[in-house]
Amino acid sequence: MTIDAAYIVSQEDYIGTLESGKFADLIVLSDSPLDVHADELKDLEVYLTMIGGKIEFVKDGSGLEELLPPPPSSLLLPALVVMVVIPIAALVVFIVVRKNRP
């Protein structure tokens, strides 16, 4: 949807242009569909697909792989620290403080 259509439906703050903070559905192709013959359109490769502003697909070897978020396994350790270690540390501090009260 372009900015004019987004304006008509009062969504210009969220869609209609490619800007930081806006949702975007787009694809990056191997060539411009305007520059290839109609018979060659079927041969265009999809290098990247973005839905709702989130990258959903990047073709291996496209040179765009660095745009992908890190795999979920790399987020496991920080999640464990937040969900397990910090609450246990807070509980230990609470118990120590409580025992040392007169």
Protein backbone atom coordinates (compact mmCIF):
# COMPACT_ATOMS: atom_id res chain seq x y z
CA MET A 1 0.00 0.00 0.00
CA THR A 2 1.41 3.40 -0.91
CA ILE A 3 1.29 6.53 1.24
CA ASP A 4 -1.84 7.87 -0.49
CA ALA A 5 -3.78 4.67 0.13
CA ALA A 6 -2.46 4.51 3.69
CA TYR A 7 -3.61 8.09 4.24
CA ILE A 8 -7.12 7.29 3.01
CA VAL A 9 -7.46 4.56 5.66
CA SER A 10 -5.70 6.67 8.36
CA GLN A 11 -2.73 4.30 8.57
CA GLU A 12 0.02 6.60 7.26
CA ASP A 13 1.85 6.45 10.61
CA TYR A 14 2.23 2.68 10.26
CA ILE A 15 2.35 1.82 6.53
CA GLY A 16 2.66 3.39 3.10
CA THR A 17 6.38 4.27 3.01
CA LEU A 18 9.60 2.48 3.83
CA GLU A 19 10.68 4.15 7.07
CA SER A 20 12.10 3.02 10.36
CA GLY A 21 9.31 2.02 12.72
CA LYS A 22 6.75 1.30 10.00
CA PHE A 23 5.45 -2.10 8.99
CA ALA A 24 6.58 -3.38 5.61
CA ASP A 25 5.70 -6.28 3.33
CA LEU A 26 8.28 -6.50 0.59
CA ILE A 27 10.52 -8.79 -1.42
CA VAL A 28 14.00 -8.33 -2.84
CA LEU A 29 14.42 -10.01 -6.22
CA SER A 30 17.49 -11.04 -8.21
CA ASP A 31 16.62 -8.50 -10.92
CA SER A 32 14.09 -5.76 -11.57
CA PRO A 33 10.82 -7.13 -12.94
CA LEU A 34 10.64 -3.95 -15.05
CA ASP A 35 13.95 -4.73 -16.77
CA VAL A 36 13.42 -8.36 -17.79
CA HIS A 37 11.33 -9.76 -20.61
CA ALA A 38 7.91 -11.09 -19.56
CA ASP A 39 9.01 -14.65 -20.36
CA GLU A 40 11.88 -14.31 -17.85
CA LEU A 41 9.78 -13.15 -14.88
CA LYS A 42 9.38 -16.75 -13.73
CA ASP A 43 13.17 -17.04 -13.47
CA LEU A 44 13.58 -14.20 -10.97
CA GLU A 45 14.82 -15.41 -7.61
CA VAL A 46 13.50 -14.14 -4.29
CA TYR A 47 16.45 -13.06 -2.15
CA LEU A 48 14.54 -11.66 0.82
CA THR A 49 10.96 -11.63 2.10
CA MET A 50 9.78 -9.19 4.78
CA ILE A 51 6.30 -9.42 6.31
CA GLY A 52 5.01 -6.85 8.76
CA GLY A 53 8.47 -5.33 9.00
CA LYS A 54 10.01 -8.65 10.09
CA ILE A 55 12.43 -10.52 7.85
CA GLU A 56 10.95 -13.97 7.29
CA PHE A 57 13.25 -15.36 4.59
CA VAL A 58 16.75 -14.74 3.23
CA LYS A 59 18.13 -16.92 0.45
CA ASP A 60 21.50 -18.50 1.22
CA GLY A 61 24.23 -16.95 -0.90
CA SER A 62 22.24 -13.78 -1.58
CA GLY A 63 24.63 -11.63 0.44
CA LEU A 64 21.76 -10.57 2.69
CA GLU A 65 22.23 -13.24 5.38
CA GLU A 66 23.62 -10.70 7.86
CA LEU A 67 20.17 -9.10 8.01
CA LEU A 68 18.73 -12.16 9.73
CA PRO A 69 18.34 -12.06 13.52
CA PRO A 70 20.57 -14.40 15.52
CA PRO A 71 19.31 -17.97 15.88
CA PRO A 72 17.19 -18.65 18.98
CA SER A 73 19.91 -20.82 20.57
CA SER A 74 22.13 -17.76 20.99
CA LEU A 75 19.37 -16.18 23.08
CA LEU A 76 19.10 -19.15 25.44
CA LEU A 77 21.86 -18.15 27.88
CA PRO A 78 20.64 -14.54 28.38
CA ALA A 79 17.11 -15.88 28.89
CA LEU A 80 18.32 -18.35 31.52
CA VAL A 81 20.19 -15.59 33.34
CA VAL A 82 17.09 -13.41 33.47
CA MET A 83 14.64 -16.19 34.32
CA VAL A 84 16.72 -18.31 36.72
CA VAL A 85 19.96 -16.79 38.01
CA ILE A 86 18.68 -13.31 38.88
CA PRO A 87 15.64 -14.52 40.88
CA ILE A 88 17.80 -17.03 42.79
CA ALA A 89 20.37 -14.34 43.56
CA ALA A 90 17.61 -12.03 44.80
CA LEU A 91 16.25 -14.81 47.04
CA VAL A 92 19.70 -15.49 48.51
CA VAL A 93 20.19 -11.79 49.27
CA PHE A 94 16.75 -11.68 50.93
CA ILE A 95 17.56 -14.71 53.12
CA VAL A 96 20.99 -13.37 54.13
CA VAL A 97 19.57 -9.95 55.03
CA ARG A 98 16.73 -11.50 56.96
CA LYS A 99 19.07 -13.81 58.97
CA ASN A 100 21.32 -10.90 59.91
CA ARG A 101 18.51 -8.85 61.39
CA PRO A 102 18.56 -8.60 65.19
